[in-house]
Amino acid sequence: MSLLLTAVTTPANTQVIADNAATGLIPTPAVFTTPSPPLIDGNNAYIWSPNNESGQIVTFQTDFPISGLPINVAVSLIAFYSFAANETANVSASLQVLDASESIVTDTPLFIGLNGGNPDNVTNASGDALLQTGLSQGETARIRVTATVTAPVTLPYEPANTGRYLGEIIVRAIFVGLG
């Protein structure tokens, strides 16, 4: 089983697609927050919305491109996702195949997860999928993770918000030739 992908959530691959404190345009890139524990594989580069409010609810959408998939193979993917947040986080992911114009050709659910609201824990979710037809010329694949995070209610205390979110994905694959 080969390692196909390992990546973390960053402002470069994560958009804020919903935010109950947003006053500007959505979607907008996530921003880094103050590093804090818990660490995920030594990483503490948490992200959050550019907006900041007590009890804020933010939905993030992260795209993890999967490169190097050969054409005309069946691919069995196994995805492992570790995530942490302050406070409650609900995540879901799907494997998507896109055509050359970036339209979704297939959208296969991979996993769902909930962290239970403990900001000191790292939670794991996993799932697997099979691309039975492989990729045609010009098609690409990605794993899209959507996470809705509710920050703690901190008012009247300072700071007003300590919302944060971090996710890491590891994808392994088995390739089978189609002929």
N, C-alpha and C. Protein backbone atom coordinates (compact mmCIF):
# COMPACT_ATOMS: atom_id res chain seq x y z
N MET A 1 0.87 -1.16 0.00
CA MET A 1 0.00 0.00 0.00
C MET A 1 0.91 1.22 0.00
N SER A 2 0.75 2.08 -0.98
CA SER A 2 1.63 3.24 -1.10
C SER A 2 1.00 4.49 -0.51
N LEU A 3 1.87 5.38 -0.03
CA LEU A 3 1.43 6.67 0.49
C LEU A 3 1.15 7.57 -0.70
N LEU A 4 -0.07 8.07 -0.80
CA LEU A 4 -0.48 8.89 -1.93
C LEU A 4 -0.51 10.37 -1.59
N LEU A 5 -0.84 10.70 -0.34
CA LEU A 5 -1.01 12.10 0.03
C LEU A 5 -0.87 12.26 1.53
N THR A 6 -0.21 13.31 1.94
CA THR A 6 -0.24 13.76 3.32
C THR A 6 -0.22 15.29 3.28
N ALA A 7 -1.18 15.91 3.95
CA ALA A 7 -1.31 17.37 3.88
C ALA A 7 -2.11 17.86 5.08
N VAL A 8 -2.01 19.16 5.36
CA VAL A 8 -2.75 19.78 6.46
C VAL A 8 -3.57 20.96 5.94
N THR A 9 -4.52 21.38 6.74
CA THR A 9 -5.32 22.56 6.41
C THR A 9 -4.44 23.81 6.52
N THR A 10 -4.53 24.68 5.52
CA THR A 10 -3.79 25.95 5.50
C THR A 10 -4.68 26.99 4.83
N PRO A 11 -4.32 28.27 4.93
CA PRO A 11 -5.07 29.29 4.18
C PRO A 11 -4.99 29.08 2.66
N ALA A 12 -3.96 28.39 2.18
CA ALA A 12 -3.82 28.16 0.74
C ALA A 12 -4.82 27.14 0.21
N ASN A 13 -5.26 26.17 1.04
CA ASN A 13 -6.17 25.14 0.54
C ASN A 13 -7.54 25.16 1.22
N THR A 14 -7.78 26.14 2.10
CA THR A 14 -9.02 26.17 2.87
C THR A 14 -9.74 27.50 2.73
N GLN A 15 -11.02 27.41 2.41
CA GLN A 15 -11.89 28.58 2.30
C GLN A 15 -12.90 28.58 3.45
N VAL A 16 -13.24 29.77 3.93
CA VAL A 16 -14.37 29.93 4.85
C VAL A 16 -15.59 30.08 3.95
N ILE A 17 -16.52 29.11 4.00
CA ILE A 17 -17.68 29.16 3.12
C ILE A 17 -18.95 29.60 3.84
N ALA A 18 -18.91 29.64 5.18
CA ALA A 18 -20.02 30.17 5.97
C ALA A 18 -19.45 30.67 7.29
N ASP A 19 -20.01 31.78 7.77
CA ASP A 19 -19.50 32.39 9.00
C ASP A 19 -20.58 33.31 9.55
N ASN A 20 -21.10 33.00 10.73
CA ASN A 20 -22.19 33.82 11.27
C ASN A 20 -21.71 35.19 11.74
N ALA A 21 -20.40 35.45 11.72
CA ALA A 21 -19.87 36.76 12.09
C ALA A 21 -19.35 37.53 10.88
N ALA A 22 -19.53 36.98 9.68
CA ALA A 22 -18.97 37.61 8.48
C ALA A 22 -19.69 38.90 8.14
N THR A 23 -18.91 39.89 7.83
CA THR A 23 -19.46 41.16 7.35
C THR A 23 -19.04 41.42 5.91
N GLY A 24 -18.10 40.63 5.41
CA GLY A 24 -17.60 40.80 4.06
C GLY A 24 -18.04 39.66 3.16
N LEU A 25 -17.29 39.48 2.09
CA LEU A 25 -17.62 38.47 1.10
C LEU A 25 -17.24 37.07 1.58
N ILE A 26 -18.08 36.13 1.23
CA ILE A 26 -17.84 34.71 1.49
C ILE A 26 -17.97 34.02 0.14
N PRO A 27 -17.12 33.11 -0.27
CA PRO A 27 -16.04 32.52 0.51
C PRO A 27 -14.82 33.44 0.59
N THR A 28 -14.03 33.20 1.60
CA THR A 28 -12.79 33.93 1.81
C THR A 28 -11.76 32.96 2.37
N PRO A 29 -10.48 33.17 2.09
CA PRO A 29 -9.47 32.25 2.63
C PRO A 29 -9.44 32.28 4.16
N ALA A 30 -9.19 31.14 4.76
CA ALA A 30 -8.96 31.06 6.20
C ALA A 30 -7.65 31.78 6.52
N VAL A 31 -7.45 32.10 7.79
CA VAL A 31 -6.20 32.74 8.23
C VAL A 31 -5.60 31.92 9.37
N PHE A 32 -4.28 32.03 9.54
CA PHE A 32 -3.63 31.36 10.66
C PHE A 32 -4.00 32.05 11.96
N THR A 33 -4.09 31.29 13.04
CA THR A 33 -4.33 31.83 14.38
C THR A 33 -3.09 31.59 15.24
N THR A 34 -3.17 31.97 16.48
CA THR A 34 -2.07 31.74 17.41
C THR A 34 -1.85 30.24 17.58
N PRO A 35 -0.63 29.76 17.38
CA PRO A 35 -0.36 28.32 17.57
C PRO A 35 -0.70 27.88 18.99
N SER A 36 -1.26 26.69 19.10
CA SER A 36 -1.64 26.18 20.42
C SER A 36 -1.74 24.66 20.37
N PRO A 37 -1.75 24.01 21.53
CA PRO A 37 -1.96 22.56 21.55
C PRO A 37 -3.43 22.26 21.36
N PRO A 38 -3.80 21.05 21.02
CA PRO A 38 -2.92 19.91 20.82
C PRO A 38 -2.27 19.94 19.44
N LEU A 39 -1.10 19.33 19.35
CA LEU A 39 -0.40 19.22 18.08
C LEU A 39 -0.88 17.98 17.34
N ILE A 40 -0.84 18.05 16.02
CA ILE A 40 -1.13 16.90 15.17
C ILE A 40 0.14 16.63 14.38
N ASP A 41 0.80 15.52 14.66
CA ASP A 41 2.10 15.19 14.05
C ASP A 41 3.07 16.35 14.14
N GLY A 42 3.13 17.00 15.28
CA GLY A 42 4.06 18.10 15.51
C GLY A 42 3.61 19.44 14.95
N ASN A 43 2.42 19.50 14.37
CA ASN A 43 1.93 20.73 13.75
C ASN A 43 0.92 21.42 14.68
N ASN A 44 1.10 22.72 14.88
CA ASN A 44 0.12 23.49 15.66
C ASN A 44 -0.30 24.76 14.92
N ALA A 45 -0.27 24.71 13.59
CA ALA A 45 -0.63 25.85 12.75
C ALA A 45 -2.14 25.87 12.51
N TYR A 46 -2.89 26.28 13.52
CA TYR A 46 -4.35 26.31 13.44
C TYR A 46 -4.82 27.45 12.54
N ILE A 47 -6.01 27.28 11.96
CA ILE A 47 -6.62 28.31 11.12
C ILE A 47 -7.95 28.73 11.72
N TRP A 48 -8.45 29.88 11.24
CA TRP A 48 -9.77 30.37 11.63
C TRP A 48 -10.23 31.36 10.58
N SER A 49 -11.42 31.84 10.75
CA SER A 49 -11.98 32.87 9.87
C SER A 49 -11.27 34.20 10.14
N PRO A 50 -11.23 35.09 9.14
CA PRO A 50 -10.70 36.43 9.39
C PRO A 50 -11.55 37.21 10.40
N ASN A 51 -12.81 36.80 10.58
CA ASN A 51 -13.70 37.42 11.57
C ASN A 51 -13.49 36.74 12.91
N ASN A 52 -13.82 37.43 13.98
CA ASN A 52 -13.56 36.89 15.30
C ASN A 52 -14.66 37.33 16.26
N GLU A 53 -15.42 36.36 16.78
CA GLU A 53 -16.55 36.69 17.65
C GLU A 53 -16.82 35.54 18.61
N SER A 54 -17.25 35.84 19.80
CA SER A 54 -17.59 34.82 20.79
C SER A 54 -18.74 33.95 20.28
N GLY A 55 -18.60 32.63 20.42
CA GLY A 55 -19.64 31.70 20.00
C GLY A 55 -19.81 31.58 18.50
N GLN A 56 -18.85 32.03 17.76
CA GLN A 56 -18.91 32.05 16.29
C GLN A 56 -19.01 30.64 15.71
N ILE A 57 -19.77 30.52 14.61
CA ILE A 57 -19.89 29.25 13.89
C ILE A 57 -19.33 29.46 12.49
N VAL A 58 -18.30 28.67 12.15
CA VAL A 58 -17.60 28.83 10.87
C VAL A 58 -17.60 27.49 10.15
N THR A 59 -17.86 27.51 8.84
CA THR A 59 -17.75 26.31 8.02
C THR A 59 -16.58 26.49 7.07
N PHE A 60 -15.66 25.53 7.11
CA PHE A 60 -14.47 25.52 6.26
C PHE A 60 -14.63 24.47 5.16
N GLN A 61 -14.05 24.75 4.00
CA GLN A 61 -14.00 23.78 2.91
C GLN A 61 -12.55 23.67 2.46
N THR A 62 -11.98 22.48 2.60
CA THR A 62 -10.59 22.26 2.25
C THR A 62 -10.52 21.27 1.11
N ASP A 63 -9.76 21.62 0.07
CA ASP A 63 -9.54 20.72 -1.06
C ASP A 63 -8.11 20.19 -1.00
N PHE A 64 -7.99 18.86 -0.98
CA PHE A 64 -6.70 18.19 -1.00
C PHE A 64 -6.56 17.50 -2.36
N PRO A 65 -5.84 18.12 -3.33
CA PRO A 65 -5.67 17.49 -4.64
C PRO A 65 -4.87 16.19 -4.52
N ILE A 66 -5.26 15.21 -5.31
CA ILE A 66 -4.53 13.94 -5.35
C ILE A 66 -3.85 13.89 -6.71
N SER A 67 -2.54 14.01 -6.70
CA SER A 67 -1.81 14.01 -7.97
C SER A 67 -1.15 12.66 -8.17
N GLY A 68 -0.71 12.44 -9.39
CA GLY A 68 0.03 11.23 -9.70
C GLY A 68 -0.80 9.99 -9.89
N LEU A 69 -2.11 10.14 -10.09
CA LEU A 69 -2.93 8.95 -10.35
C LEU A 69 -2.79 8.58 -11.82
N PRO A 70 -2.37 7.37 -12.11
CA PRO A 70 -2.23 6.96 -13.51
C PRO A 70 -3.59 6.76 -14.16
N ILE A 71 -3.61 6.88 -15.48
CA ILE A 71 -4.83 6.67 -16.27
C ILE A 71 -5.05 5.17 -16.43
N ASN A 72 -6.30 4.76 -16.49
CA ASN A 72 -6.71 3.37 -16.72
C ASN A 72 -6.27 2.41 -15.62
N VAL A 73 -6.48 2.82 -14.39
CA VAL A 73 -6.25 1.93 -13.26
C VAL A 73 -7.43 2.03 -12.32
N ALA A 74 -7.63 1.00 -11.56
CA ALA A 74 -8.57 1.09 -10.44
C ALA A 74 -7.74 1.45 -9.22
N VAL A 75 -8.25 2.35 -8.42
CA VAL A 75 -7.51 2.81 -7.25
C VAL A 75 -8.37 2.62 -6.01
N SER A 76 -7.85 1.87 -5.07
CA SER A 76 -8.50 1.73 -3.77
C SER A 76 -7.82 2.72 -2.84
N LEU A 77 -8.59 3.72 -2.36
CA LEU A 77 -8.06 4.76 -1.49
C LEU A 77 -8.53 4.54 -0.06
N ILE A 78 -7.63 4.76 0.87
CA ILE A 78 -7.97 4.74 2.29
C ILE A 78 -7.51 6.08 2.85
N ALA A 79 -8.45 6.86 3.40
CA ALA A 79 -8.13 8.19 3.91
C ALA A 79 -8.27 8.21 5.42
N PHE A 80 -7.27 8.79 6.07
CA PHE A 80 -7.26 8.98 7.52
C PHE A 80 -7.20 10.48 7.78
N TYR A 81 -8.10 11.00 8.61
CA TYR A 81 -8.15 12.43 8.88
C TYR A 81 -8.11 12.65 10.39
N SER A 82 -7.13 13.41 10.83
CA SER A 82 -7.01 13.80 12.24
C SER A 82 -7.35 15.27 12.34
N PHE A 83 -8.16 15.64 13.33
CA PHE A 83 -8.54 17.04 13.45
C PHE A 83 -8.72 17.43 14.90
N ALA A 84 -8.54 18.73 15.14
CA ALA A 84 -8.72 19.30 16.47
C ALA A 84 -9.33 20.67 16.30
N ALA A 85 -10.11 21.09 17.28
CA ALA A 85 -10.77 22.40 17.20
C ALA A 85 -11.13 22.88 18.59
N ASN A 86 -11.33 24.16 18.68
CA ASN A 86 -11.85 24.76 19.90
C ASN A 86 -13.12 25.51 19.49
N GLU A 87 -14.27 24.91 19.53
CA GLU A 87 -14.66 23.93 20.52
C GLU A 87 -15.24 22.71 19.79
N THR A 88 -16.43 22.76 19.23
CA THR A 88 -17.05 21.61 18.58
C THR A 88 -16.76 21.62 17.08
N ALA A 89 -16.40 20.47 16.54
CA ALA A 89 -16.15 20.35 15.10
C ALA A 89 -16.86 19.13 14.55
N ASN A 90 -17.57 19.33 13.43
CA ASN A 90 -18.18 18.26 12.66
C ASN A 90 -17.52 18.26 11.30
N VAL A 91 -16.97 17.12 10.87
CA VAL A 91 -16.31 17.06 9.57
C VAL A 91 -16.96 15.99 8.70
N SER A 92 -16.89 16.21 7.40
CA SER A 92 -17.29 15.21 6.42
C SER A 92 -16.36 15.35 5.23
N ALA A 93 -16.18 14.25 4.51
CA ALA A 93 -15.28 14.30 3.36
C ALA A 93 -15.82 13.44 2.24
N SER A 94 -15.44 13.81 1.02
CA SER A 94 -15.80 13.01 -0.15
C SER A 94 -14.65 13.01 -1.13
N LEU A 95 -14.57 11.92 -1.88
CA LEU A 95 -13.61 11.79 -2.97
C LEU A 95 -14.31 12.28 -4.23
N GLN A 96 -13.72 13.27 -4.89
CA GLN A 96 -14.33 13.84 -6.09
C GLN A 96 -13.41 13.67 -7.28
N VAL A 97 -13.99 13.29 -8.41
CA VAL A 97 -13.28 13.27 -9.68
C VAL A 97 -13.81 14.44 -10.49
N LEU A 98 -12.89 15.24 -11.03
CA LEU A 98 -13.24 16.44 -11.78
C LEU A 98 -12.81 16.28 -13.23
N ASP A 99 -13.63 16.81 -14.16
CA ASP A 99 -13.21 16.80 -15.55
C ASP A 99 -12.29 17.99 -15.82
N ALA A 100 -11.87 18.15 -17.07
CA ALA A 100 -10.92 19.20 -17.43
C ALA A 100 -11.44 20.60 -17.14
N SER A 101 -12.77 20.77 -17.10
CA SER A 101 -13.35 22.09 -16.82
C SER A 101 -13.65 22.28 -15.33
N GLU A 102 -13.14 21.37 -14.48
CA GLU A 102 -13.31 21.43 -13.03
C GLU A 102 -14.74 21.11 -12.56
N SER A 103 -15.57 20.55 -13.43
CA SER A 103 -16.90 20.10 -13.03
C SER A 103 -16.77 18.73 -12.35
N ILE A 104 -17.58 18.50 -11.34
CA ILE A 104 -17.52 17.25 -10.60
C ILE A 104 -18.17 16.14 -11.43
N VAL A 105 -17.39 15.08 -11.68
CA VAL A 105 -17.87 13.91 -12.43
C VAL A 105 -18.46 12.89 -11.47
N THR A 106 -17.73 12.59 -10.39
CA THR A 106 -18.23 11.70 -9.34
C THR A 106 -17.93 12.32 -7.98
N ASP A 107 -18.77 12.01 -7.02
CA ASP A 107 -18.64 12.54 -5.66
C ASP A 107 -18.98 11.39 -4.70
N THR A 108 -17.96 10.76 -4.13
CA THR A 108 -18.13 9.58 -3.30
C THR A 108 -17.87 9.91 -1.83
N PRO A 109 -18.86 9.75 -0.95
CA PRO A 109 -18.63 10.02 0.48
C PRO A 109 -17.51 9.15 1.04
N LEU A 110 -16.66 9.75 1.89
CA LEU A 110 -15.55 9.02 2.50
C LEU A 110 -15.72 8.81 4.00
N PHE A 111 -15.97 9.89 4.74
CA PHE A 111 -16.09 9.75 6.19
C PHE A 111 -16.80 10.95 6.78
N ILE A 112 -17.26 10.75 8.02
CA ILE A 112 -17.78 11.84 8.84
C ILE A 112 -17.13 11.70 10.22
N GLY A 113 -17.06 12.80 10.95
CA GLY A 113 -16.48 12.75 12.29
C GLY A 113 -16.95 13.90 13.15
N LEU A 114 -16.91 13.71 14.45
CA LEU A 114 -17.31 14.72 15.43
C LEU A 114 -16.31 14.66 16.58
N ASN A 115 -15.82 15.82 17.02
CA ASN A 115 -14.80 15.81 18.08
C ASN A 115 -15.37 15.83 19.49
N GLY A 116 -16.64 16.00 19.68
CA GLY A 116 -17.23 15.97 21.01
C GLY A 116 -17.03 17.22 21.84
N GLY A 117 -16.42 18.25 21.27
CA GLY A 117 -16.31 19.53 21.95
C GLY A 117 -15.14 19.69 22.89
N ASN A 118 -14.25 18.73 22.96
CA ASN A 118 -13.10 18.85 23.86
C ASN A 118 -11.93 19.48 23.09
N PRO A 119 -11.53 20.72 23.44
CA PRO A 119 -10.47 21.40 22.70
C PRO A 119 -9.08 20.81 22.92
N ASP A 120 -8.94 19.88 23.85
CA ASP A 120 -7.64 19.28 24.12
C ASP A 120 -7.43 17.95 23.41
N ASN A 121 -8.42 17.49 22.66
CA ASN A 121 -8.33 16.18 22.01
C ASN A 121 -8.10 16.31 20.51
N VAL A 122 -7.41 15.33 19.96
CA VAL A 122 -7.33 15.14 18.52
C VAL A 122 -8.25 13.97 18.20
N THR A 123 -9.13 14.17 17.22
CA THR A 123 -10.10 13.16 16.84
C THR A 123 -9.73 12.61 15.47
N ASN A 124 -10.02 11.34 15.23
CA ASN A 124 -9.70 10.70 13.95
C ASN A 124 -10.97 10.23 13.26
N ALA A 125 -10.96 10.36 11.95
CA ALA A 125 -12.03 9.82 11.11
C ALA A 125 -11.34 9.13 9.94
N SER A 126 -11.99 8.14 9.36
CA SER A 126 -11.38 7.46 8.22
C SER A 126 -12.46 6.88 7.32
N GLY A 127 -12.04 6.56 6.11
CA GLY A 127 -12.95 5.95 5.16
C GLY A 127 -12.18 5.47 3.95
N ASP A 128 -12.85 4.71 3.10
CA ASP A 128 -12.20 4.22 1.89
C ASP A 128 -13.15 4.32 0.71
N ALA A 129 -12.57 4.30 -0.47
CA ALA A 129 -13.35 4.39 -1.71
C ALA A 129 -12.58 3.69 -2.82
N LEU A 130 -13.30 3.32 -3.85
CA LEU A 130 -12.70 2.67 -5.01
C LEU A 130 -13.06 3.45 -6.25
N LEU A 131 -12.04 3.90 -6.98
CA LEU A 131 -12.25 4.50 -8.30
C LEU A 131 -12.16 3.34 -9.28
N GLN A 132 -13.30 2.78 -9.67
CA GLN A 132 -13.28 1.57 -10.47
C GLN A 132 -12.87 1.80 -11.91
N THR A 133 -13.09 2.98 -12.42
CA THR A 133 -12.78 3.22 -13.82
C THR A 133 -11.47 3.95 -14.02
N GLY A 134 -10.82 4.34 -12.94
CA GLY A 134 -9.60 5.13 -13.09
C GLY A 134 -9.95 6.51 -13.60
N LEU A 135 -8.95 7.27 -14.00
CA LEU A 135 -9.17 8.62 -14.49
C LEU A 135 -8.99 8.66 -15.99
N SER A 136 -9.88 9.37 -16.66
CA SER A 136 -9.76 9.59 -18.10
C SER A 136 -8.82 10.76 -18.33
N GLN A 137 -8.42 10.95 -19.58
CA GLN A 137 -7.54 12.05 -19.93
C GLN A 137 -8.15 13.38 -19.49
N GLY A 138 -7.39 14.19 -18.75
CA GLY A 138 -7.87 15.50 -18.32
C GLY A 138 -8.60 15.50 -17.00
N GLU A 139 -8.94 14.32 -16.46
CA GLU A 139 -9.62 14.28 -15.18
C GLU A 139 -8.62 14.33 -14.03
N THR A 140 -9.04 14.91 -12.93
CA THR A 140 -8.22 14.98 -11.72
C THR A 140 -9.07 14.51 -10.54
N ALA A 141 -8.41 14.27 -9.43
CA ALA A 141 -9.13 13.82 -8.23
C ALA A 141 -8.73 14.69 -7.05
N ARG A 142 -9.65 14.81 -6.10
CA ARG A 142 -9.37 15.53 -4.86
C ARG A 142 -10.23 14.95 -3.76
N ILE A 143 -9.80 15.21 -2.53
CA ILE A 143 -10.64 14.93 -1.38
C ILE A 143 -11.07 16.28 -0.83
N ARG A 144 -12.37 16.47 -0.71
CA ARG A 144 -12.92 17.73 -0.19
C ARG A 144 -13.44 17.46 1.22
N VAL A 145 -12.88 18.19 2.18
CA VAL A 145 -13.30 18.08 3.58
C VAL A 145 -14.07 19.34 3.95
N THR A 146 -15.24 19.16 4.51
CA THR A 146 -16.05 20.27 5.01
C THR A 146 -16.13 20.13 6.52
N ALA A 147 -15.81 21.22 7.22
CA ALA A 147 -15.81 21.19 8.69
C ALA A 147 -16.58 22.39 9.21
N THR A 148 -17.54 22.14 10.09
CA THR A 148 -18.26 23.22 10.77
C THR A 148 -17.79 23.24 12.22
N VAL A 149 -17.25 24.40 12.62
CA VAL A 149 -16.64 24.54 13.94
C VAL A 149 -17.37 25.64 14.71
N THR A 150 -17.74 25.34 15.94
CA THR A 150 -18.36 26.33 16.82
C THR A 150 -17.35 26.73 17.89
N ALA A 151 -17.01 28.01 17.92
CA ALA A 151 -16.07 28.53 18.92
C ALA A 151 -16.78 28.65 20.27
N PRO A 152 -16.01 28.63 21.34
CA PRO A 152 -16.64 28.76 22.66
C PRO A 152 -17.20 30.16 22.88
N VAL A 153 -18.22 30.23 23.73
CA VAL A 153 -18.75 31.53 24.15
C VAL A 153 -17.81 32.03 25.24
N THR A 154 -17.15 33.14 24.97
CA THR A 154 -16.12 33.64 25.89
C THR A 154 -16.45 34.99 26.50
N LEU A 155 -17.44 35.67 25.97
CA LEU A 155 -17.78 36.99 26.54
C LEU A 155 -18.38 36.81 27.92
N PRO A 156 -18.15 37.62 28.87
CA PRO A 156 -17.48 38.91 28.80
C PRO A 156 -15.98 38.82 29.04
N TYR A 157 -15.40 37.62 28.95
CA TYR A 157 -13.97 37.46 29.23
C TYR A 157 -13.15 37.76 27.99
N GLU A 158 -11.89 38.05 28.18
CA GLU A 158 -10.96 38.29 27.08
C GLU A 158 -10.04 37.09 26.94
N PRO A 159 -9.63 36.71 25.74
CA PRO A 159 -10.04 37.30 24.47
C PRO A 159 -11.47 36.90 24.11
N ALA A 160 -12.06 37.66 23.22
CA ALA A 160 -13.47 37.44 22.87
C ALA A 160 -13.70 36.13 22.14
N ASN A 161 -12.70 35.56 21.52
CA ASN A 161 -12.87 34.32 20.76
C ASN A 161 -11.57 33.55 20.76
N THR A 162 -11.65 32.27 20.96
CA THR A 162 -10.47 31.42 20.86
C THR A 162 -10.71 30.31 19.84
N GLY A 163 -11.51 30.60 18.81
CA GLY A 163 -11.81 29.61 17.79
C GLY A 163 -10.56 29.21 17.02
N ARG A 164 -10.45 27.90 16.73
CA ARG A 164 -9.33 27.41 15.94
C ARG A 164 -9.69 26.04 15.39
N TYR A 165 -9.01 25.67 14.28
CA TYR A 165 -9.27 24.39 13.63
C TYR A 165 -8.01 23.95 12.90
N LEU A 166 -7.71 22.66 12.97
CA LEU A 166 -6.56 22.09 12.27
C LEU A 166 -6.92 20.68 11.85
N GLY A 167 -6.59 20.34 10.62
CA GLY A 167 -6.82 18.99 10.13
C GLY A 167 -5.63 18.49 9.35
N GLU A 168 -5.39 17.18 9.43
CA GLU A 168 -4.33 16.54 8.65
C GLU A 168 -4.91 15.31 7.98
N ILE A 169 -4.61 15.15 6.68
CA ILE A 169 -5.09 13.99 5.95
C ILE A 169 -3.91 13.15 5.49
N ILE A 170 -4.08 11.84 5.59
CA ILE A 170 -3.11 10.88 5.06
C ILE A 170 -3.91 9.92 4.20
N VAL A 171 -3.47 9.75 2.95
CA VAL A 171 -4.18 8.88 2.01
C VAL A 171 -3.21 7.81 1.52
N ARG A 172 -3.64 6.58 1.61
CA ARG A 172 -2.87 5.45 1.08
C ARG A 172 -3.68 4.82 -0.05
N ALA A 173 -2.98 4.16 -0.97
CA ALA A 173 -3.67 3.63 -2.15
C ALA A 173 -3.09 2.29 -2.58
N ILE A 174 -3.95 1.51 -3.21
CA ILE A 174 -3.55 0.29 -3.90
C ILE A 174 -3.99 0.46 -5.35
N PHE A 175 -3.07 0.28 -6.29
CA PHE A 175 -3.37 0.45 -7.71
C PHE A 175 -3.52 -0.92 -8.37
N VAL A 176 -4.55 -1.04 -9.22
CA VAL A 176 -4.80 -2.27 -9.97
C VAL A 176 -4.98 -1.89 -11.43
N GLY A 177 -4.18 -2.47 -12.33
CA GLY A 177 -4.28 -2.17 -13.76
C GLY A 177 -5.58 -2.66 -14.35
N LEU A 178 -6.10 -1.90 -15.33
CA LEU A 178 -7.36 -2.27 -15.97
C LEU A 178 -7.16 -2.89 -17.35
N GLY A 179 -5.96 -3.07 -17.76
CA GLY A 179 -5.77 -3.75 -19.03
C GLY A 179 -4.87 -3.10 -19.99
